[in-house]
Amino acid sequence: MQPMPIAETLIIAWCLGIGLADLYTRRIPNILAFGLGLIAIGWLLLTGQAMLGADWPSVALGVVASLLLTLPAYAARLLGAGDVKCLLVIALLGAWHMTLLVFVIATMLATVFGLAHMLFMRFSSHHTTPKRWIPFGAALSAGLLCVIGIV
């Protein structure tokens, strides 16, 4: 078994940080989003490829796709700004099709989580105040981990 490249190790650590932060605080720290975003841009400028090996045009399409997918939901107050930044960073890490696949997986995970939460609240004797937001950043980071594992 060969050692994991430094880029993938950094991305996995970032996913864990994003996921845990969003699950516990329902916020994605700017230092995490902008930190890896700047590293990804620097990597792209220095090597001509994204951290996960995509070329410039594919990364540019991924950035456009991430903004088209998240900005309308942000404007409708369905997503937070951290979720928009998180998918934008994911687009900077890889190709456009990876961005779309991560978004689809994250949407499915968030749907399952939301349905499970609704069922739990309905049949539970514990009456807590429902949270407005599903931690979509955690779903995005889990989706990226799934895609990295698939590829």
Protein backbone atom coordinates (compact mmCIF):
# COMPACT_ATOMS: atom_id res chain seq x y z
CA MET A 1 0.00 0.00 0.00
CA GLN A 2 1.50 3.32 -1.03
CA PRO A 3 1.34 6.38 1.23
CA MET A 4 -1.49 8.88 0.76
CA PRO A 5 -0.45 12.04 -1.10
CA ILE A 6 -0.25 15.21 0.94
CA ALA A 7 -3.11 16.85 -0.98
CA GLU A 8 -5.55 14.05 -0.18
CA THR A 9 -4.45 13.99 3.46
CA LEU A 10 -5.06 17.74 3.74
CA ILE A 11 -8.47 17.42 2.05
CA ILE A 12 -9.55 14.57 4.34
CA ALA A 13 -8.52 16.57 7.42
CA TRP A 14 -10.44 19.57 6.05
CA CYS A 15 -13.55 17.44 5.48
CA LEU A 16 -13.43 16.18 9.05
CA GLY A 17 -13.00 19.73 10.38
CA ILE A 18 -15.88 21.08 8.27
CA GLY A 19 -18.15 18.18 9.16
CA LEU A 20 -17.54 18.35 12.89
CA ALA A 21 -17.80 22.14 13.04
CA ASP A 22 -21.07 22.17 11.11
CA LEU A 23 -22.58 19.34 13.15
CA TYR A 24 -21.72 20.86 16.52
CA THR A 25 -22.01 24.60 15.94
CA ARG A 26 -24.07 24.76 12.73
CA ARG A 27 -21.43 27.11 11.39
CA ILE A 28 -18.51 26.60 9.03
CA PRO A 29 -15.52 28.62 10.22
CA ASN A 30 -14.20 31.05 7.61
CA ILE A 31 -10.65 30.01 8.44
CA LEU A 32 -11.42 26.50 7.21
CA ALA A 33 -13.27 27.57 4.07
CA PHE A 34 -10.92 30.35 3.04
CA GLY A 35 -7.81 28.52 4.24
CA LEU A 36 -8.19 25.53 1.96
CA GLY A 37 -9.64 27.74 -0.77
CA LEU A 38 -6.45 29.81 -0.85
CA ILE A 39 -4.31 26.67 -0.76
CA ALA A 40 -6.33 25.21 -3.65
CA ILE A 41 -5.93 28.39 -5.71
CA GLY A 42 -2.20 28.50 -4.97
CA TRP A 43 -1.85 24.83 -5.92
CA LEU A 44 -3.73 25.50 -9.16
CA LEU A 45 -1.51 28.49 -10.00
CA LEU A 46 1.74 26.65 -9.21
CA THR A 47 1.04 23.28 -10.80
CA GLY A 48 -1.61 24.06 -13.41
CA GLN A 49 -3.84 21.35 -11.93
CA ALA A 50 -6.28 21.17 -9.05
CA MET A 51 -5.28 19.33 -5.88
CA LEU A 52 -7.25 16.28 -7.07
CA GLY A 53 -5.80 16.42 -10.59
CA ALA A 54 -8.35 18.35 -12.66
CA ASP A 55 -7.32 20.87 -15.31
CA TRP A 56 -8.18 24.60 -15.40
CA PRO A 57 -11.29 24.46 -17.62
CA SER A 58 -12.81 21.69 -15.51
CA VAL A 59 -12.17 23.63 -12.30
CA ALA A 60 -13.69 26.78 -13.84
CA LEU A 61 -16.82 24.84 -14.84
CA GLY A 62 -16.98 23.40 -11.32
CA VAL A 63 -16.82 26.88 -9.79
CA VAL A 64 -19.64 28.10 -12.04
CA ALA A 65 -21.68 24.97 -11.26
CA SER A 66 -21.15 25.38 -7.52
CA LEU A 67 -22.37 28.97 -7.63
CA LEU A 68 -25.38 28.08 -9.79
CA LEU A 69 -26.31 25.30 -7.38
CA THR A 70 -25.90 27.21 -4.14
CA LEU A 71 -26.53 30.93 -4.67
CA PRO A 72 -30.27 30.56 -5.47
CA ALA A 73 -30.72 28.43 -2.33
CA TYR A 74 -28.74 30.99 -0.32
CA ALA A 75 -30.92 33.80 -1.68
CA ALA A 76 -34.00 31.80 -0.67
CA ARG A 77 -32.46 31.33 2.81
CA LEU A 78 -32.31 27.55 2.37
CA LEU A 79 -28.52 27.39 2.65
CA GLY A 80 -26.07 29.34 4.74
CA ALA A 81 -23.10 31.27 3.41
CA GLY A 82 -20.76 28.61 4.78
CA ASP A 83 -22.42 25.98 2.60
CA VAL A 84 -21.89 28.16 -0.48
CA LYS A 85 -18.21 28.65 0.40
CA CYS A 86 -17.79 24.95 1.15
CA LEU A 87 -19.05 23.83 -2.27
CA LEU A 88 -16.98 26.56 -3.92
CA VAL A 89 -13.84 25.19 -2.27
CA ILE A 90 -14.82 21.67 -3.32
CA ALA A 91 -15.08 22.96 -6.91
CA LEU A 92 -11.56 24.41 -6.60
CA LEU A 93 -10.26 21.01 -5.50
CA GLY A 94 -11.43 18.97 -8.47
CA ALA A 95 -13.30 18.68 -11.72
CA TRP A 96 -16.81 19.91 -12.50
CA HIS A 97 -18.26 16.39 -12.50
CA MET A 98 -16.80 15.80 -9.03
CA THR A 99 -18.53 18.97 -7.81
CA LEU A 100 -21.86 17.78 -9.17
CA LEU A 101 -21.41 14.29 -7.73
CA VAL A 102 -20.53 15.71 -4.30
CA PHE A 103 -23.62 17.93 -4.41
CA VAL A 104 -25.90 15.01 -5.35
CA ILE A 105 -24.47 12.76 -2.61
CA ALA A 106 -24.71 15.59 -0.06
CA THR A 107 -28.32 16.27 -1.03
CA MET A 108 -29.21 12.61 -0.58
CA LEU A 109 -27.41 12.45 2.79
CA ALA A 110 -29.10 15.63 4.02
CA THR A 111 -32.49 14.31 2.90
CA VAL A 112 -32.01 11.05 4.78
CA PHE A 113 -30.76 12.94 7.85
CA GLY A 114 -33.71 15.33 7.71
CA LEU A 115 -36.27 12.55 7.34
CA ALA A 116 -34.70 10.57 10.18
CA HIS A 117 -34.73 13.67 12.35
CA MET A 118 -38.40 14.33 11.56
CA LEU A 119 -39.33 10.73 12.39
CA PHE A 120 -37.36 10.86 15.61
CA MET A 121 -39.06 14.09 16.64
CA ARG A 122 -42.49 12.72 15.76
CA PHE A 123 -42.16 9.47 17.71
CA SER A 124 -39.93 10.69 20.51
CA SER A 125 -41.19 11.67 23.92
CA HIS A 126 -38.45 14.34 24.05
CA HIS A 127 -39.82 17.60 22.82
CA THR A 128 -36.99 19.85 21.80
CA THR A 129 -37.20 22.94 19.69
CA PRO A 130 -36.56 22.01 16.08
CA LYS A 131 -33.49 23.48 14.43
CA ARG A 132 -34.09 25.40 11.27
CA TRP A 133 -30.99 24.28 9.40
CA ILE A 134 -29.82 20.83 8.45
CA PRO A 135 -26.01 20.87 8.62
CA PHE A 136 -25.45 20.76 4.84
CA GLY A 137 -21.74 21.51 5.17
CA ALA A 138 -21.34 18.21 7.02
CA ALA A 139 -23.20 16.48 4.19
CA LEU A 140 -20.96 18.20 1.62
CA SER A 141 -17.81 17.08 3.40
CA ALA A 142 -19.16 13.53 3.70
CA GLY A 143 -20.01 13.63 0.00
CA LEU A 144 -16.46 14.70 -0.84
CA LEU A 145 -15.06 11.88 1.28
CA CYS A 146 -17.31 9.44 -0.61
CA VAL A 147 -16.16 10.78 -3.96
CA ILE A 148 -12.48 10.64 -2.97
CA GLY A 149 -13.04 7.06 -1.84
CA ILE A 150 -14.73 6.17 -5.14
CA VAL A 151 -12.08 7.77 -7.31
